[in-house]
Amino acid sequence: MLSRFTAAATACLSLLCLFVYSSGYGQGCVAVRHMSSCTAGSSSALLQKGRFQGSAAYRYFRSDRHFVGRDEQKHRKEQHTEVINATHAIDLSVTYALSQRLNATLVLPFITNDRSSLYEHLGNGSGQRFHTQSRGLGDLRLSVSYWLLDPLEHLNGNVSIGLGVKAPTGNYRVQDDFVRPEGTQRRFVDQSIQLGDGGWATSLELQAFGRVFENGSVYANAFYMINPRNTNGVATGRRDSVEAGAIISVMSVPDQYMARAGVNYALLPGRGLSVSLGGRVEGIPARDLIGKSDGFRRPGYIVSAEPGLVYMPGKTTVAVNLPVALVRDRIRSVYDMKTGRHGDAAFADYAVYVTVSQRF
């Protein structure tokens, strides 16, 4: 039985390690913050009953290109008025196999954000750029996932479904110093660099793989996070919030989603080296699946091409993915629809994911 399980692990773990960490959202201001629930714990692991897998997943992106709809606001960079967000995050996760088909995963994210802008401080006309920051624990997540088919009997393809809970452990009321004409003020940092959103959420997950030719397989996975809470009461401090009333005076608690699919090829099967190429879409809807969608949010989506590399020496997995943005669309928010406006958001050109996993 052990040898059969080892064969199954060799056949599909290179696909699964792509899922382990590469479901991170929001290369820029569209995502309200880094989401661990979309990163290190969003997948099943192929483990024997009673075994563990530990992972450390690193993520980086830098967003500085502004879009209204799909139209890039190139003048922002030309005039040096763009907002720049840089995020470094490490997700520590542990997966325990309750059985060969049922896994439980806990994810702890640690995040460092830096945001520089002109408009939030002395104004775009000042030409002076200042920084605000946040760092610490994000929103943790606990999930369970189940293989629909027995992994030992279906080495060439399987489907897993999952259900998760996100807890509001990340600080969603982070403050920093803002340099204003009337003097330095202590205010809440922008929604995009808050460590959490203040809401309990449920995640629905799906992943699948299937062998289609020798050394080649296809993969797919999807994720939707349902955030029932409407707003979290944190003031946005936006200058146009008085005109809009309560619509954007406080921060929204939005849903998030991701879907990805592609092909994985075992380049050197005997040495555990695989490459992959796929596509992904990720973003925030204007309206949530459950509950109201008031408050300020920057809804939109990103479509990316996603090359990847996986190396598996024994029980260790090292993986690198580089999603490169092809389409960026800042869709209209509820506020935009009510006022006839169309807000903007900053996106990154690419994101970097590196993960190291160890089975025990």
Protein backbone atom coordinates (compact mmCIF):
# COMPACT_ATOMS: atom_id res chain seq x y z
CA MET A 1 0.00 0.00 0.00
CA LEU A 2 2.85 2.37 0.82
CA SER A 3 4.44 1.88 -2.60
CA ARG A 4 1.12 2.64 -4.30
CA PHE A 5 0.75 5.80 -2.27
CA THR A 6 4.30 6.85 -3.17
CA ALA A 7 3.49 6.37 -6.84
CA ALA A 8 0.38 8.50 -6.46
CA ALA A 9 2.31 11.25 -4.72
CA THR A 10 4.95 11.28 -7.45
CA ALA A 11 2.28 11.42 -10.14
CA CYS A 12 0.40 14.49 -8.92
CA LEU A 13 2.18 16.32 -6.10
CA SER A 14 3.97 18.52 -8.62
CA LEU A 15 0.52 19.76 -9.65
CA LEU A 16 -0.68 20.21 -6.10
CA CYS A 17 2.30 22.28 -5.03
CA LEU A 18 1.22 24.82 -7.61
CA PHE A 19 -2.07 25.09 -5.73
CA VAL A 20 -0.45 25.24 -2.32
CA TYR A 21 0.64 28.83 -2.64
CA SER A 22 -0.17 30.39 -5.95
CA SER A 23 -3.76 31.48 -5.39
CA GLY A 24 -2.87 34.90 -4.03
CA TYR A 25 -5.06 37.79 -5.06
CA GLY A 26 -4.86 41.30 -6.15
CA GLN A 27 -1.67 42.61 -7.71
CA GLY A 28 -2.36 46.10 -6.46
CA CYS A 29 -5.09 48.27 -4.99
CA VAL A 30 -7.92 46.13 -6.35
CA ALA A 31 -7.36 43.65 -3.55
CA VAL A 32 -7.93 45.33 -0.22
CA ARG A 33 -4.94 43.49 1.22
CA HIS A 34 -2.89 40.32 0.93
CA MET A 35 -5.19 37.33 1.48
CA SER A 36 -3.78 34.24 3.17
CA SER A 37 -7.07 32.54 2.52
CA CYS A 38 -6.17 32.71 -1.13
CA THR A 39 -2.61 31.66 -0.71
CA ALA A 40 -0.88 28.98 1.28
CA GLY A 41 -3.85 27.03 2.45
CA SER A 42 -6.05 26.93 -0.58
CA SER A 43 -5.38 23.34 -1.58
CA SER A 44 -5.40 19.74 -0.62
CA ALA A 45 -2.14 17.91 -0.13
CA LEU A 46 -1.65 14.26 -1.07
CA LEU A 47 -0.66 12.77 2.27
CA GLN A 48 -1.01 9.49 4.08
CA LYS A 49 -3.39 9.42 7.02
CA GLY A 50 -1.76 10.92 10.12
CA ARG A 51 1.00 12.73 8.17
CA PHE A 52 1.78 16.45 8.06
CA GLN A 53 2.98 18.91 5.47
CA GLY A 54 4.48 22.26 6.46
CA SER A 55 4.92 25.15 4.03
CA ALA A 56 6.42 28.61 3.94
CA ALA A 57 5.14 30.70 1.02
CA TYR A 58 6.57 34.09 0.05
CA ARG A 59 4.73 36.60 -2.10
CA TYR A 60 5.77 39.97 -3.52
CA PHE A 61 4.20 42.55 -5.79
CA ARG A 62 4.59 46.26 -6.55
CA SER A 63 1.62 48.12 -7.99
CA ASP A 64 2.01 51.52 -9.63
CA ARG A 65 0.01 51.52 -12.89
CA HIS A 66 -3.44 53.13 -12.63
CA PHE A 67 -6.48 51.99 -14.59
CA VAL A 68 -10.03 53.25 -15.02
CA GLY A 69 -11.85 50.32 -16.50
CA ARG A 70 -9.25 48.83 -18.86
CA ASP A 71 -7.82 52.23 -19.78
CA GLU A 72 -4.44 52.95 -18.25
CA GLN A 73 -4.00 56.43 -16.81
CA LYS A 74 -0.49 56.86 -18.20
CA HIS A 75 -0.35 60.50 -17.17
CA ARG A 76 -0.11 59.41 -13.52
CA LYS A 77 3.37 57.99 -14.03
CA GLU A 78 4.38 60.80 -16.37
CA GLN A 79 3.41 63.36 -13.72
CA HIS A 80 4.82 61.18 -10.89
CA THR A 81 1.47 61.22 -9.08
CA GLU A 82 0.99 57.45 -9.11
CA VAL A 83 0.36 55.53 -5.89
CA ILE A 84 2.94 52.80 -5.24
CA ASN A 85 2.11 49.79 -3.08
CA ALA A 86 4.80 47.21 -2.27
CA THR A 87 3.84 44.05 -0.39
CA HIS A 88 6.00 41.30 1.07
CA ALA A 89 4.13 38.42 2.70
CA ILE A 90 5.02 35.06 4.19
CA ASP A 91 2.31 32.48 4.80
CA LEU A 92 3.15 29.69 7.22
CA SER A 93 0.84 26.72 6.87
CA VAL A 94 0.48 23.20 8.17
CA THR A 95 -1.69 20.49 6.65
CA TYR A 96 -2.76 17.34 8.51
CA ALA A 97 -4.20 14.29 6.75
CA LEU A 98 -7.27 13.16 8.68
CA SER A 99 -7.47 10.37 6.11
CA GLN A 100 -6.01 9.77 2.66
CA ARG A 101 -8.88 11.81 1.21
CA LEU A 102 -9.61 14.37 3.92
CA ASN A 103 -7.14 17.13 4.92
CA ALA A 104 -7.22 20.05 7.35
CA THR A 105 -5.02 23.13 6.82
CA LEU A 106 -4.19 26.10 9.05
CA VAL A 107 -2.56 29.21 7.58
CA LEU A 108 -0.87 32.07 9.43
CA PRO A 109 0.08 35.07 7.24
CA PHE A 110 2.67 37.69 8.14
CA ILE A 111 2.63 40.82 5.99
CA THR A 112 4.68 43.97 5.40
CA ASN A 113 3.15 46.75 3.29
CA ASP A 114 4.57 50.06 2.11
CA ARG A 115 2.46 52.68 0.33
CA SER A 116 3.72 55.96 -1.06
CA SER A 117 1.58 58.71 -2.54
CA LEU A 118 1.15 62.45 -2.95
CA TYR A 119 -2.62 62.91 -2.86
CA GLU A 120 -3.08 61.44 0.63
CA HIS A 121 -0.65 63.93 2.13
CA LEU A 122 0.06 67.45 0.79
CA GLY A 123 -1.71 66.77 -2.51
CA ASN A 124 -0.63 65.87 -6.04
CA GLY A 125 0.32 69.48 -6.73
CA SER A 126 2.92 69.49 -3.96
CA GLY A 127 5.31 67.10 -5.70
CA GLN A 128 6.16 65.62 -2.30
CA ARG A 129 5.80 61.86 -1.79
CA PHE A 130 5.37 60.34 1.67
CA HIS A 131 5.05 56.75 2.93
CA THR A 132 2.59 54.90 5.14
CA GLN A 133 3.14 51.33 6.28
CA SER A 134 1.62 48.31 7.99
CA ARG A 135 3.14 45.07 9.23
CA GLY A 136 2.06 42.11 11.30
CA LEU A 137 -0.28 39.13 11.38
CA GLY A 138 -3.01 38.96 8.74
CA ASP A 139 -6.30 37.07 8.72
CA LEU A 140 -5.71 33.40 9.53
CA ARG A 141 -7.61 30.61 7.85
CA LEU A 142 -8.68 27.06 8.67
CA SER A 143 -9.97 24.80 5.90
CA VAL A 144 -10.83 21.21 5.13
CA SER A 145 -10.66 19.58 1.69
CA TYR A 146 -11.77 16.22 0.36
CA TRP A 147 -10.69 14.17 -2.66
CA LEU A 148 -13.83 12.92 -4.44
CA LEU A 149 -11.96 9.88 -5.77
CA ASP A 150 -9.65 7.55 -3.90
CA PRO A 151 -6.11 8.85 -4.63
CA LEU A 152 -4.74 5.31 -4.62
CA GLU A 153 -7.19 4.19 -7.29
CA HIS A 154 -7.06 7.31 -9.45
CA LEU A 155 -3.43 8.24 -10.03
CA ASN A 156 -4.10 10.01 -13.33
CA GLY A 157 -6.81 12.41 -12.24
CA ASN A 158 -8.85 13.59 -9.30
CA VAL A 159 -11.05 16.39 -8.00
CA SER A 160 -10.99 18.00 -4.56
CA ILE A 161 -13.60 20.24 -2.93
CA GLY A 162 -12.92 22.40 0.10
CA LEU A 163 -14.57 24.60 2.69
CA GLY A 164 -12.73 27.18 4.76
CA VAL A 165 -13.23 29.78 7.47
CA LYS A 166 -11.31 33.07 7.62
CA ALA A 167 -10.99 34.71 11.04
CA PRO A 168 -10.48 38.49 11.44
CA THR A 169 -7.14 38.20 13.25
CA GLY A 170 -5.43 40.83 11.11
CA ASN A 171 -5.54 44.41 12.33
CA TYR A 172 -8.03 46.26 10.11
CA ARG A 173 -7.55 49.56 11.98
CA VAL A 174 -3.86 50.19 11.29
CA GLN A 175 -2.87 53.86 11.56
CA ASP A 176 0.17 55.84 10.47
CA ASP A 177 1.29 59.45 10.11
CA PHE A 178 -0.03 61.54 7.21
CA VAL A 179 1.65 64.82 6.34
CA ARG A 180 -1.19 67.31 5.78
CA PRO A 181 -1.19 71.08 5.10
CA GLU A 182 -2.51 71.63 8.63
CA GLY A 183 0.17 69.40 10.15
CA THR A 184 0.96 65.73 10.69
CA GLN A 185 -2.12 63.66 11.47
CA ARG A 186 -2.56 60.12 12.72
CA ARG A 187 -5.06 58.39 10.45
CA PHE A 188 -6.11 54.99 9.20
CA VAL A 189 -3.96 53.73 6.34
CA ASP A 190 -5.51 52.94 2.96
CA GLN A 191 -7.70 49.89 2.60
CA SER A 192 -5.17 48.24 0.26
CA ILE A 193 -2.53 47.95 3.02
CA GLN A 194 -4.73 47.13 6.00
CA LEU A 195 -3.69 43.77 7.49
CA GLY A 196 -7.26 42.47 7.66
CA ASP A 197 -10.82 43.38 6.72
CA GLY A 198 -12.55 42.84 10.06
CA GLY A 199 -14.92 40.16 8.80
CA TRP A 200 -15.50 36.45 9.29
CA ALA A 201 -15.64 34.75 5.90
CA THR A 202 -16.33 31.38 4.31
CA SER A 203 -14.36 30.09 1.34
CA LEU A 204 -15.51 27.62 -1.29
CA GLU A 205 -12.74 25.80 -3.15
CA LEU A 206 -12.32 23.43 -6.06
CA GLN A 207 -9.24 21.87 -7.61
CA ALA A 208 -8.65 19.17 -10.20
CA PHE A 209 -5.91 17.57 -12.24
CA GLY A 210 -5.74 14.97 -14.98
CA ARG A 211 -3.03 13.30 -17.04
CA VAL A 212 -3.50 13.98 -20.75
CA PHE A 213 -0.24 12.64 -22.23
CA GLU A 214 3.04 11.13 -21.09
CA ASN A 215 4.66 13.41 -18.48
CA GLY A 216 1.92 15.98 -19.11
CA SER A 217 -1.14 16.92 -17.05
CA VAL A 218 -3.75 19.63 -16.90
CA TYR A 219 -4.73 21.41 -13.71
CA ALA A 220 -7.50 23.75 -12.58
CA ASN A 221 -8.58 25.32 -9.34
CA ALA A 222 -11.01 27.97 -8.19
CA PHE A 223 -11.69 29.87 -5.00
CA TYR A 224 -14.46 32.18 -3.81
CA MET A 225 -14.43 33.93 -0.43
CA ILE A 226 -17.85 34.96 0.89
CA ASN A 227 -17.62 37.96 3.24
CA PRO A 228 -21.13 38.61 4.65
CA ARG A 229 -20.14 41.68 6.71
CA ASN A 230 -21.11 44.92 4.99
CA THR A 231 -18.66 47.53 6.33
CA ASN A 232 -16.12 47.49 9.17
CA GLY A 233 -16.60 51.01 10.53
CA VAL A 234 -13.08 52.21 9.67
CA ALA A 235 -13.11 55.74 8.26
CA THR A 236 -11.60 56.11 4.80
CA GLY A 237 -10.78 59.79 5.26
CA ARG A 238 -11.59 60.40 1.60
CA ARG A 239 -12.22 64.02 0.69
CA ASP A 240 -15.20 63.12 -1.49
CA SER A 241 -16.90 61.06 1.24
CA VAL A 242 -18.90 64.08 2.46
CA GLU A 243 -20.45 64.46 -0.98
CA ALA A 244 -21.24 60.75 -1.16
CA GLY A 245 -22.50 60.53 2.41
CA ALA A 246 -22.06 57.16 4.10
CA ILE A 247 -21.48 55.35 0.81
CA ILE A 248 -17.69 55.60 0.90
CA SER A 249 -17.01 57.16 4.30
CA VAL A 250 -16.13 53.75 5.75
CA MET A 251 -14.35 50.70 4.37
CA SER A 252 -16.25 47.87 2.71
CA VAL A 253 -15.67 44.18 3.50
CA PRO A 254 -15.68 42.63 0.01
CA ASP A 255 -15.79 39.13 -1.41
CA GLN A 256 -12.78 37.90 -3.41
CA TYR A 257 -12.33 35.23 -6.07
CA MET A 258 -9.74 33.42 -8.17
CA ALA A 259 -9.69 30.80 -10.93
CA ARG A 260 -6.75 29.30 -12.76
CA ALA A 261 -5.99 26.48 -15.21
CA GLY A 262 -3.07 25.26 -17.28
CA VAL A 263 -0.71 22.49 -18.28
CA ASN A 264 2.05 20.91 -16.21
CA TYR A 265 4.95 19.02 -17.85
CA ALA A 266 7.48 16.81 -16.08
CA LEU A 267 10.67 18.08 -17.70
CA LEU A 268 12.95 15.70 -15.78
CA PRO A 269 10.66 13.13 -14.12
CA GLY A 270 13.50 11.21 -12.51
CA ARG A 271 14.80 14.37 -10.80
CA GLY A 272 11.44 15.85 -9.86
CA LEU A 273 11.65 18.89 -12.12
CA SER A 274 8.43 20.18 -13.72
CA VAL A 275 7.36 23.28 -15.59
CA SER A 276 3.89 24.71 -16.04
CA LEU A 277 2.04 27.33 -18.03
CA GLY A 278 -1.46 28.53 -17.39
CA GLY A 279 -3.82 31.43 -17.05
CA ARG A 280 -5.56 32.93 -14.07
CA VAL A 281 -8.19 35.50 -13.22
CA GLU A 282 -8.55 37.07 -9.79
CA GLY A 283 -10.36 40.01 -8.31
CA ILE A 284 -13.06 41.65 -6.23
CA PRO A 285 -16.71 41.93 -7.34
CA ALA A 286 -18.64 45.17 -7.15
CA ARG A 287 -21.44 43.40 -5.26
CA ASP A 288 -21.03 40.58 -2.76
CA LEU A 289 -22.72 37.22 -3.07
CA ILE A 290 -24.35 37.56 0.36
CA GLY A 291 -25.23 40.76 2.21
CA LYS A 292 -24.92 44.43 1.31
CA SER A 293 -22.01 45.97 -0.58
CA ASP A 294 -21.83 49.45 0.93
CA GLY A 295 -18.66 51.27 1.88
CA PHE A 296 -15.56 52.05 -0.12
CA ARG A 297 -13.94 49.34 -2.26
CA ARG A 298 -11.95 49.16 -5.50
CA PRO A 299 -13.56 46.28 -7.43
CA GLY A 300 -11.95 44.84 -10.51
CA TYR A 301 -10.05 41.88 -11.89
CA ILE A 302 -6.72 40.83 -13.36
CA VAL A 303 -6.16 38.24 -16.09
CA SER A 304 -2.60 36.87 -16.07
CA ALA A 305 -0.39 34.39 -17.85
CA GLU A 306 1.26 32.19 -15.25
CA PRO A 307 4.49 30.27 -15.89
CA GLY A 308 5.81 28.09 -13.10
CA LEU A 309 8.69 25.84 -12.05
CA VAL A 310 8.60 23.01 -9.50
CA TYR A 311 11.49 21.03 -8.04
CA MET A 312 10.79 18.01 -5.81
CA PRO A 313 13.87 16.42 -4.22
CA GLY A 314 12.31 13.70 -2.07
CA LYS A 315 9.78 14.97 0.47
CA THR A 316 10.69 18.59 -0.15
CA THR A 317 9.00 20.77 -2.76
CA VAL A 318 10.33 24.09 -4.04
CA ALA A 319 8.09 26.03 -6.40
CA VAL A 320 8.21 29.39 -8.17
CA ASN A 321 5.37 31.07 -10.06
CA LEU A 322 5.35 34.39 -11.90
CA PRO A 323 1.87 35.61 -12.91
CA VAL A 324 2.23 38.36 -15.52
CA ALA A 325 -0.76 40.67 -16.00
CA LEU A 326 -2.38 40.68 -19.45
CA VAL A 327 -5.68 42.43 -18.69
CA ARG A 328 -6.41 44.82 -15.82
CA ASP A 329 -9.93 46.15 -15.35
CA ARG A 330 -11.07 48.44 -12.54
CA ILE A 331 -14.83 47.94 -12.81
CA ARG A 332 -17.43 50.33 -11.41
CA SER A 333 -18.18 50.08 -7.70
CA VAL A 334 -21.63 50.54 -6.14
CA TYR A 335 -20.60 54.13 -5.38
CA ASP A 336 -19.57 54.65 -9.00
CA MET A 337 -22.91 53.31 -10.22
CA LYS A 338 -24.85 55.64 -7.93
CA THR A 339 -22.85 58.75 -8.80
CA GLY A 340 -22.06 58.13 -12.47
CA ARG A 341 -18.33 58.21 -11.77
CA HIS A 342 -15.68 55.59 -12.43
CA GLY A 343 -12.87 55.35 -9.88
CA ASP A 344 -9.38 54.09 -10.57
CA ALA A 345 -7.08 51.49 -9.03
CA ALA A 346 -3.40 50.68 -9.25
CA PHE A 347 -2.24 47.29 -10.54
CA ALA A 348 1.09 45.50 -10.71
CA ASP A 349 2.73 44.15 -13.86
CA TYR A 350 3.54 40.85 -12.16
CA ALA A 351 3.69 39.02 -8.85
CA VAL A 352 6.32 36.64 -7.49
CA TYR A 353 5.49 33.49 -5.52
CA VAL A 354 8.10 31.21 -3.95
CA THR A 355 7.20 28.33 -1.67
CA VAL A 356 9.04 25.58 0.18
CA SER A 357 7.04 22.61 1.49
CA GLN A 358 8.12 19.60 3.52
CA ARG A 359 6.15 16.41 4.12
CA PHE A 360 6.56 14.61 7.44
